[in-house]
Structure formats: C-alpha cells, structure tokens
Amino acid sequence: MEFDHAGIATRDATATAERFGALLDAPVVHEERFEDMSLAFLSVGDGYLELLEPAADGTIASYLDRHGPGIHHLAFATDDIASALSRARAHDVRLIDETPRPGAWGHTVAFLHPESTGGVLVEFVEH
C-alpha cells in the first residue's frame, strides 16, 4: 500500500484550498460534490490533500460540530481492497465498511474504525 491522501474537514474549502495552494504550491486538481459534502483535491507531491466541506447536514457537518476543522482521515491506496479488508479483519480491526463502496473520482473505498487504529480514521482506496 501507498499513501494516497489526507482528508481535512473544513467549513470553507475555497479558503482552505487558497491557503494550502499558496503555502505548498498545491493546485486544485479535482472537485466533486456528494449529497452532503463538497470535495476539493489539491496535488501535493505523490499524494493529495482532500478538503471536505459540508454541503448539508451529514457526516462532515457532524464531524465539524464535534471536533472542529482539521485532519479527518488518512487514505492508503491498494490494488486489492477486498484483500486489504480481509487483512484488517484478520488483525481484529473493526471495519466501518464491511464491503467497499463508491468514493470520489469513481474509486472504490472502505473505512476502518478509529477505535482499532490508534484514533485515526483510515480509508482504503482502490483506483
């Protein structure tokens, strides 16, 4: 597996993108909207920063209410998400997604519960 991206929850993705874009010379390379959130991906080296802004009540809005803005998750790319989930199960890692689901950019994703990963929400991404 390789590092894919860090997800950052923010109330204002445009301002956050401008700040990180200026600091890191990181252009926005992809934007997408889901039912309850808007996403912006900034290219940084071999990975991305994914900015998650709530578009309605939902997961990111709830996260921001509880924790405020900041790092939401770390994502790792895999060529075989089913095997990655099997490995996680074999190591007694609690899964949020028992089966992979559609994610940004048309990729397949699955999340691991932070209770099993040292307090870090982990995402597997299959491109």
N, C-alpha and C. Protein backbone atom coordinates (compact mmCIF):
# COMPACT_ATOMS: atom_id res chain seq x y z
N MET A 1 0.83 -1.18 0.00
CA MET A 1 0.00 0.00 0.00
C MET A 1 0.87 1.24 0.00
N GLU A 2 0.29 2.30 -0.51
CA GLU A 2 0.98 3.59 -0.54
C GLU A 2 0.05 4.67 -0.01
N PHE A 3 0.64 5.73 0.52
CA PHE A 3 -0.15 6.87 0.96
C PHE A 3 -0.87 7.44 -0.25
N ASP A 4 -2.15 7.77 -0.10
CA ASP A 4 -2.94 8.36 -1.17
C ASP A 4 -3.30 9.80 -0.86
N HIS A 5 -3.95 10.03 0.29
CA HIS A 5 -4.32 11.40 0.63
C HIS A 5 -4.64 11.55 2.12
N ALA A 6 -4.63 12.79 2.56
CA ALA A 6 -5.10 13.15 3.89
C ALA A 6 -6.38 13.94 3.71
N GLY A 7 -7.44 13.54 4.39
CA GLY A 7 -8.71 14.25 4.34
C GLY A 7 -8.75 15.30 5.43
N ILE A 8 -9.13 16.52 5.08
CA ILE A 8 -9.19 17.62 6.02
C ILE A 8 -10.61 18.18 6.03
N ALA A 9 -11.24 18.15 7.19
CA ALA A 9 -12.58 18.71 7.33
C ALA A 9 -12.45 20.22 7.51
N THR A 10 -13.27 20.97 6.78
CA THR A 10 -13.21 22.43 6.84
C THR A 10 -14.60 23.00 6.58
N ARG A 11 -14.85 24.14 7.13
CA ARG A 11 -16.11 24.82 6.86
C ARG A 11 -16.06 25.62 5.57
N ASP A 12 -14.84 25.88 5.07
CA ASP A 12 -14.67 26.71 3.87
C ASP A 12 -13.55 26.13 3.01
N ALA A 13 -13.90 25.23 2.11
CA ALA A 13 -12.90 24.56 1.27
C ALA A 13 -12.19 25.55 0.35
N THR A 14 -12.89 26.56 -0.11
CA THR A 14 -12.26 27.54 -1.01
C THR A 14 -11.12 28.27 -0.31
N ALA A 15 -11.38 28.77 0.90
CA ALA A 15 -10.34 29.49 1.65
C ALA A 15 -9.20 28.55 2.04
N THR A 16 -9.54 27.32 2.43
CA THR A 16 -8.52 26.35 2.81
C THR A 16 -7.67 25.98 1.61
N ALA A 17 -8.30 25.81 0.46
CA ALA A 17 -7.55 25.50 -0.77
C ALA A 17 -6.62 26.65 -1.14
N GLU A 18 -7.10 27.87 -1.01
CA GLU A 18 -6.24 29.03 -1.31
C GLU A 18 -5.04 29.06 -0.37
N ARG A 19 -5.27 28.79 0.91
CA ARG A 19 -4.17 28.82 1.89
C ARG A 19 -3.14 27.75 1.59
N PHE A 20 -3.58 26.49 1.45
CA PHE A 20 -2.64 25.40 1.18
C PHE A 20 -2.04 25.53 -0.22
N GLY A 21 -2.82 26.02 -1.16
CA GLY A 21 -2.29 26.24 -2.50
C GLY A 21 -1.12 27.20 -2.48
N ALA A 22 -1.26 28.29 -1.73
CA ALA A 22 -0.19 29.28 -1.64
C ALA A 22 1.00 28.76 -0.84
N LEU A 23 0.73 28.07 0.27
CA LEU A 23 1.80 27.57 1.13
C LEU A 23 2.61 26.45 0.48
N LEU A 24 1.93 25.57 -0.23
CA LEU A 24 2.57 24.35 -0.74
C LEU A 24 2.69 24.31 -2.25
N ASP A 25 2.28 25.39 -2.92
CA ASP A 25 2.23 25.39 -4.37
C ASP A 25 1.46 24.17 -4.86
N ALA A 26 0.27 23.99 -4.24
CA ALA A 26 -0.55 22.80 -4.47
C ALA A 26 -1.83 23.21 -5.20
N PRO A 27 -1.93 22.92 -6.49
CA PRO A 27 -3.13 23.30 -7.23
C PRO A 27 -4.30 22.35 -6.95
N VAL A 28 -5.51 22.89 -7.07
CA VAL A 28 -6.71 22.06 -7.01
C VAL A 28 -6.78 21.30 -8.33
N VAL A 29 -6.84 19.97 -8.25
CA VAL A 29 -6.84 19.15 -9.46
C VAL A 29 -8.15 18.40 -9.68
N HIS A 30 -9.02 18.44 -8.67
CA HIS A 30 -10.30 17.74 -8.83
C HIS A 30 -11.27 18.29 -7.80
N GLU A 31 -12.53 18.46 -8.24
CA GLU A 31 -13.60 18.86 -7.33
C GLU A 31 -14.80 17.98 -7.60
N GLU A 32 -15.54 17.70 -6.55
CA GLU A 32 -16.68 16.79 -6.67
C GLU A 32 -17.67 17.10 -5.55
N ARG A 33 -18.92 16.79 -5.79
CA ARG A 33 -19.95 17.00 -4.77
C ARG A 33 -20.73 15.72 -4.55
N PHE A 34 -20.90 15.37 -3.30
CA PHE A 34 -21.77 14.29 -2.90
C PHE A 34 -23.00 14.92 -2.25
N GLU A 35 -23.96 14.11 -1.83
CA GLU A 35 -25.20 14.64 -1.26
C GLU A 35 -24.95 15.62 -0.12
N ASP A 36 -24.06 15.27 0.79
CA ASP A 36 -23.90 16.09 1.99
C ASP A 36 -22.55 16.77 2.11
N MET A 37 -21.70 16.68 1.07
CA MET A 37 -20.38 17.32 1.15
C MET A 37 -19.83 17.66 -0.21
N SER A 38 -18.98 18.67 -0.20
CA SER A 38 -18.21 19.05 -1.39
C SER A 38 -16.75 18.69 -1.12
N LEU A 39 -16.06 18.21 -2.15
CA LEU A 39 -14.67 17.80 -2.03
C LEU A 39 -13.81 18.59 -2.99
N ALA A 40 -12.61 18.91 -2.55
CA ALA A 40 -11.59 19.50 -3.42
C ALA A 40 -10.28 18.79 -3.13
N PHE A 41 -9.62 18.34 -4.18
CA PHE A 41 -8.34 17.66 -4.04
C PHE A 41 -7.22 18.56 -4.52
N LEU A 42 -6.21 18.74 -3.69
CA LEU A 42 -5.02 19.50 -4.05
C LEU A 42 -3.87 18.52 -4.24
N SER A 43 -3.10 18.69 -5.30
CA SER A 43 -1.98 17.81 -5.58
C SER A 43 -0.76 18.28 -4.78
N VAL A 44 -0.21 17.33 -3.99
CA VAL A 44 0.98 17.61 -3.18
C VAL A 44 1.94 16.45 -3.36
N GLY A 45 2.99 16.63 -4.13
CA GLY A 45 3.95 15.56 -4.35
C GLY A 45 3.28 14.36 -4.98
N ASP A 46 3.44 13.20 -4.34
CA ASP A 46 2.84 11.96 -4.84
C ASP A 46 1.46 11.69 -4.26
N GLY A 47 0.92 12.64 -3.47
CA GLY A 47 -0.38 12.44 -2.85
C GLY A 47 -1.25 13.67 -2.97
N TYR A 48 -2.29 13.67 -2.18
CA TYR A 48 -3.28 14.75 -2.25
C TYR A 48 -3.69 15.18 -0.85
N LEU A 49 -4.19 16.40 -0.78
CA LEU A 49 -4.99 16.85 0.35
C LEU A 49 -6.42 16.87 -0.15
N GLU A 50 -7.30 16.20 0.56
CA GLU A 50 -8.72 16.20 0.21
C GLU A 50 -9.43 17.11 1.21
N LEU A 51 -10.02 18.18 0.72
CA LEU A 51 -10.75 19.10 1.57
C LEU A 51 -12.22 18.71 1.56
N LEU A 52 -12.79 18.50 2.74
CA LEU A 52 -14.18 18.06 2.88
C LEU A 52 -14.98 19.19 3.52
N GLU A 53 -15.90 19.75 2.78
CA GLU A 53 -16.75 20.83 3.27
C GLU A 53 -18.21 20.36 3.28
N PRO A 54 -18.91 20.56 4.40
CA PRO A 54 -20.31 20.13 4.41
C PRO A 54 -21.14 20.95 3.43
N ALA A 55 -22.01 20.27 2.70
CA ALA A 55 -22.95 20.93 1.79
C ALA A 55 -24.36 20.86 2.37
N ALA A 56 -24.51 20.03 3.40
CA ALA A 56 -25.79 19.84 4.09
C ALA A 56 -25.48 19.10 5.39
N ASP A 57 -26.49 18.90 6.21
CA ASP A 57 -26.29 18.08 7.41
C ASP A 57 -25.85 16.70 6.97
N GLY A 58 -24.88 16.15 7.67
CA GLY A 58 -24.37 14.83 7.33
C GLY A 58 -23.09 14.55 8.07
N THR A 59 -22.32 13.63 7.55
CA THR A 59 -21.11 13.15 8.20
C THR A 59 -20.11 14.26 8.52
N ILE A 60 -19.77 15.08 7.54
CA ILE A 60 -18.75 16.11 7.75
C ILE A 60 -19.29 17.23 8.63
N ALA A 61 -20.54 17.61 8.45
CA ALA A 61 -21.13 18.64 9.32
C ALA A 61 -21.11 18.16 10.77
N SER A 62 -21.47 16.92 11.01
CA SER A 62 -21.44 16.36 12.37
C SER A 62 -20.02 16.31 12.92
N TYR A 63 -19.08 15.91 12.07
CA TYR A 63 -17.68 15.86 12.49
C TYR A 63 -17.20 17.24 12.92
N LEU A 64 -17.49 18.25 12.11
CA LEU A 64 -17.06 19.61 12.43
C LEU A 64 -17.72 20.11 13.72
N ASP A 65 -18.97 19.77 13.94
CA ASP A 65 -19.65 20.17 15.17
C ASP A 65 -18.98 19.54 16.40
N ARG A 66 -18.55 18.30 16.27
CA ARG A 66 -17.94 17.59 17.40
C ARG A 66 -16.47 17.93 17.61
N HIS A 67 -15.72 18.04 16.48
CA HIS A 67 -14.26 18.14 16.59
C HIS A 67 -13.66 19.43 16.06
N GLY A 68 -14.42 20.18 15.28
CA GLY A 68 -13.87 21.36 14.64
C GLY A 68 -13.06 20.98 13.41
N PRO A 69 -12.53 21.98 12.70
CA PRO A 69 -11.77 21.68 11.48
C PRO A 69 -10.44 21.00 11.79
N GLY A 70 -9.96 20.24 10.82
CA GLY A 70 -8.67 19.58 10.96
C GLY A 70 -8.65 18.26 10.21
N ILE A 71 -7.62 17.48 10.48
CA ILE A 71 -7.45 16.20 9.79
C ILE A 71 -8.61 15.28 10.15
N HIS A 72 -9.27 14.77 9.13
CA HIS A 72 -10.41 13.87 9.29
C HIS A 72 -9.99 12.41 9.11
N HIS A 73 -9.16 12.12 8.10
CA HIS A 73 -8.74 10.74 7.86
C HIS A 73 -7.45 10.69 7.05
N LEU A 74 -6.82 9.52 7.06
CA LEU A 74 -5.67 9.22 6.21
C LEU A 74 -6.08 8.10 5.28
N ALA A 75 -5.72 8.23 4.00
CA ALA A 75 -6.13 7.24 3.00
C ALA A 75 -4.90 6.58 2.37
N PHE A 76 -5.04 5.29 2.14
CA PHE A 76 -3.97 4.49 1.56
C PHE A 76 -4.48 3.75 0.34
N ALA A 77 -3.73 3.83 -0.74
CA ALA A 77 -4.10 3.19 -1.99
C ALA A 77 -3.73 1.72 -1.96
N THR A 78 -4.62 0.90 -2.50
CA THR A 78 -4.39 -0.54 -2.59
C THR A 78 -4.85 -1.01 -3.97
N ASP A 79 -4.20 -2.04 -4.47
CA ASP A 79 -4.61 -2.63 -5.73
C ASP A 79 -5.73 -3.64 -5.54
N ASP A 80 -5.97 -4.06 -4.28
CA ASP A 80 -6.97 -5.08 -4.00
C ASP A 80 -7.64 -4.76 -2.66
N ILE A 81 -8.70 -3.99 -2.72
CA ILE A 81 -9.36 -3.53 -1.49
C ILE A 81 -9.99 -4.69 -0.72
N ALA A 82 -10.47 -5.71 -1.41
CA ALA A 82 -11.05 -6.86 -0.72
C ALA A 82 -9.99 -7.56 0.13
N SER A 83 -8.79 -7.72 -0.41
CA SER A 83 -7.70 -8.34 0.36
C SER A 83 -7.27 -7.45 1.52
N ALA A 84 -7.26 -6.13 1.30
CA ALA A 84 -6.90 -5.21 2.37
C ALA A 84 -7.90 -5.30 3.52
N LEU A 85 -9.19 -5.41 3.20
CA LEU A 85 -10.21 -5.57 4.24
C LEU A 85 -10.08 -6.91 4.95
N SER A 86 -9.76 -7.96 4.20
CA SER A 86 -9.55 -9.28 4.81
C SER A 86 -8.38 -9.25 5.79
N ARG A 87 -7.30 -8.56 5.39
CA ARG A 87 -6.13 -8.43 6.26
C ARG A 87 -6.51 -7.67 7.53
N ALA A 88 -7.30 -6.60 7.37
CA ALA A 88 -7.73 -5.84 8.54
C ALA A 88 -8.56 -6.72 9.48
N ARG A 89 -9.50 -7.49 8.92
CA ARG A 89 -10.31 -8.40 9.75
C ARG A 89 -9.43 -9.41 10.48
N ALA A 90 -8.42 -9.94 9.78
CA ALA A 90 -7.52 -10.93 10.37
C ALA A 90 -6.74 -10.36 11.54
N HIS A 91 -6.59 -9.04 11.56
CA HIS A 91 -5.88 -8.37 12.65
C HIS A 91 -6.85 -7.73 13.64
N ASP A 92 -8.09 -8.22 13.63
CA ASP A 92 -9.13 -7.76 14.56
C ASP A 92 -9.38 -6.26 14.50
N VAL A 93 -9.27 -5.69 13.31
CA VAL A 93 -9.58 -4.28 13.11
C VAL A 93 -11.07 -4.16 12.81
N ARG A 94 -11.72 -3.25 13.53
CA ARG A 94 -13.15 -3.00 13.32
C ARG A 94 -13.33 -2.21 12.02
N LEU A 95 -14.22 -2.70 11.17
CA LEU A 95 -14.48 -2.05 9.89
C LEU A 95 -15.72 -1.18 9.99
N ILE A 96 -15.66 -0.01 9.38
CA ILE A 96 -16.87 0.80 9.20
C ILE A 96 -17.62 0.28 7.99
N ASP A 97 -16.87 -0.03 6.93
CA ASP A 97 -17.44 -0.57 5.70
C ASP A 97 -17.06 -2.04 5.58
N GLU A 98 -18.02 -2.92 5.76
CA GLU A 98 -17.77 -4.35 5.60
C GLU A 98 -17.50 -4.70 4.14
N THR A 99 -18.11 -3.95 3.25
CA THR A 99 -17.87 -4.12 1.82
C THR A 99 -17.50 -2.76 1.24
N PRO A 100 -16.66 -2.74 0.23
CA PRO A 100 -16.27 -1.47 -0.39
C PRO A 100 -17.48 -0.76 -1.00
N ARG A 101 -17.34 0.57 -1.14
CA ARG A 101 -18.41 1.39 -1.70
C ARG A 101 -17.82 2.43 -2.63
N PRO A 102 -18.64 3.07 -3.44
CA PRO A 102 -18.14 4.10 -4.35
C PRO A 102 -17.62 5.31 -3.57
N GLY A 103 -16.52 5.86 -4.07
CA GLY A 103 -15.93 7.05 -3.46
C GLY A 103 -15.63 8.10 -4.50
N ALA A 104 -14.87 9.09 -4.12
CA ALA A 104 -14.50 10.19 -5.01
C ALA A 104 -13.70 9.67 -6.20
N TRP A 105 -13.77 10.39 -7.29
CA TRP A 105 -13.06 10.09 -8.54
C TRP A 105 -13.50 8.76 -9.14
N GLY A 106 -14.60 8.19 -8.66
CA GLY A 106 -15.04 6.89 -9.15
C GLY A 106 -14.27 5.73 -8.55
N HIS A 107 -13.44 5.99 -7.54
CA HIS A 107 -12.68 4.93 -6.88
C HIS A 107 -13.57 4.15 -5.93
N THR A 108 -13.10 3.01 -5.52
CA THR A 108 -13.76 2.18 -4.52
C THR A 108 -13.07 2.42 -3.19
N VAL A 109 -13.86 2.60 -2.12
CA VAL A 109 -13.28 2.93 -0.82
C VAL A 109 -13.90 2.08 0.29
N ALA A 110 -13.21 2.02 1.41
CA ALA A 110 -13.71 1.40 2.62
C ALA A 110 -12.95 2.01 3.80
N PHE A 111 -13.68 2.22 4.90
CA PHE A 111 -13.08 2.86 6.07
C PHE A 111 -12.93 1.88 7.22
N LEU A 112 -11.86 2.09 7.99
CA LEU A 112 -11.59 1.33 9.21
C LEU A 112 -11.92 2.21 10.41
N HIS A 113 -12.47 1.62 11.45
CA HIS A 113 -12.89 2.40 12.61
C HIS A 113 -11.67 2.88 13.41
N PRO A 114 -11.69 4.16 13.80
CA PRO A 114 -10.54 4.70 14.54
C PRO A 114 -10.30 4.03 15.89
N GLU A 115 -11.30 3.35 16.47
CA GLU A 115 -11.07 2.63 17.72
C GLU A 115 -10.01 1.54 17.56
N SER A 116 -9.86 1.03 16.33
CA SER A 116 -8.90 -0.05 16.07
C SER A 116 -7.59 0.43 15.49
N THR A 117 -7.49 1.71 15.20
CA THR A 117 -6.29 2.22 14.51
C THR A 117 -5.69 3.43 15.23
N GLY A 118 -5.65 3.35 16.54
CA GLY A 118 -5.00 4.38 17.33
C GLY A 118 -5.66 5.74 17.26
N GLY A 119 -6.97 5.77 17.04
CA GLY A 119 -7.68 7.03 16.98
C GLY A 119 -7.70 7.69 15.61
N VAL A 120 -7.15 7.00 14.60
CA VAL A 120 -7.08 7.55 13.25
C VAL A 120 -8.11 6.86 12.35
N LEU A 121 -8.99 7.65 11.71
CA LEU A 121 -9.90 7.10 10.71
C LEU A 121 -9.05 6.79 9.47
N VAL A 122 -9.05 5.52 9.06
CA VAL A 122 -8.25 5.08 7.91
C VAL A 122 -9.18 4.70 6.78
N GLU A 123 -8.80 5.13 5.58
CA GLU A 123 -9.55 4.81 4.36
C GLU A 123 -8.65 4.00 3.44
N PHE A 124 -9.17 2.91 2.92
CA PHE A 124 -8.52 2.20 1.82
C PHE A 124 -9.16 2.68 0.52
N VAL A 125 -8.33 2.91 -0.48
CA VAL A 125 -8.79 3.39 -1.78
C VAL A 125 -8.23 2.47 -2.86
N GLU A 126 -9.14 1.95 -3.68
CA GLU A 126 -8.71 1.18 -4.85
C GLU A 126 -9.01 2.02 -6.09
N HIS A 127 -7.97 2.36 -6.82
CA HIS A 127 -8.12 3.22 -8.01
C HIS A 127 -8.64 2.41 -9.17
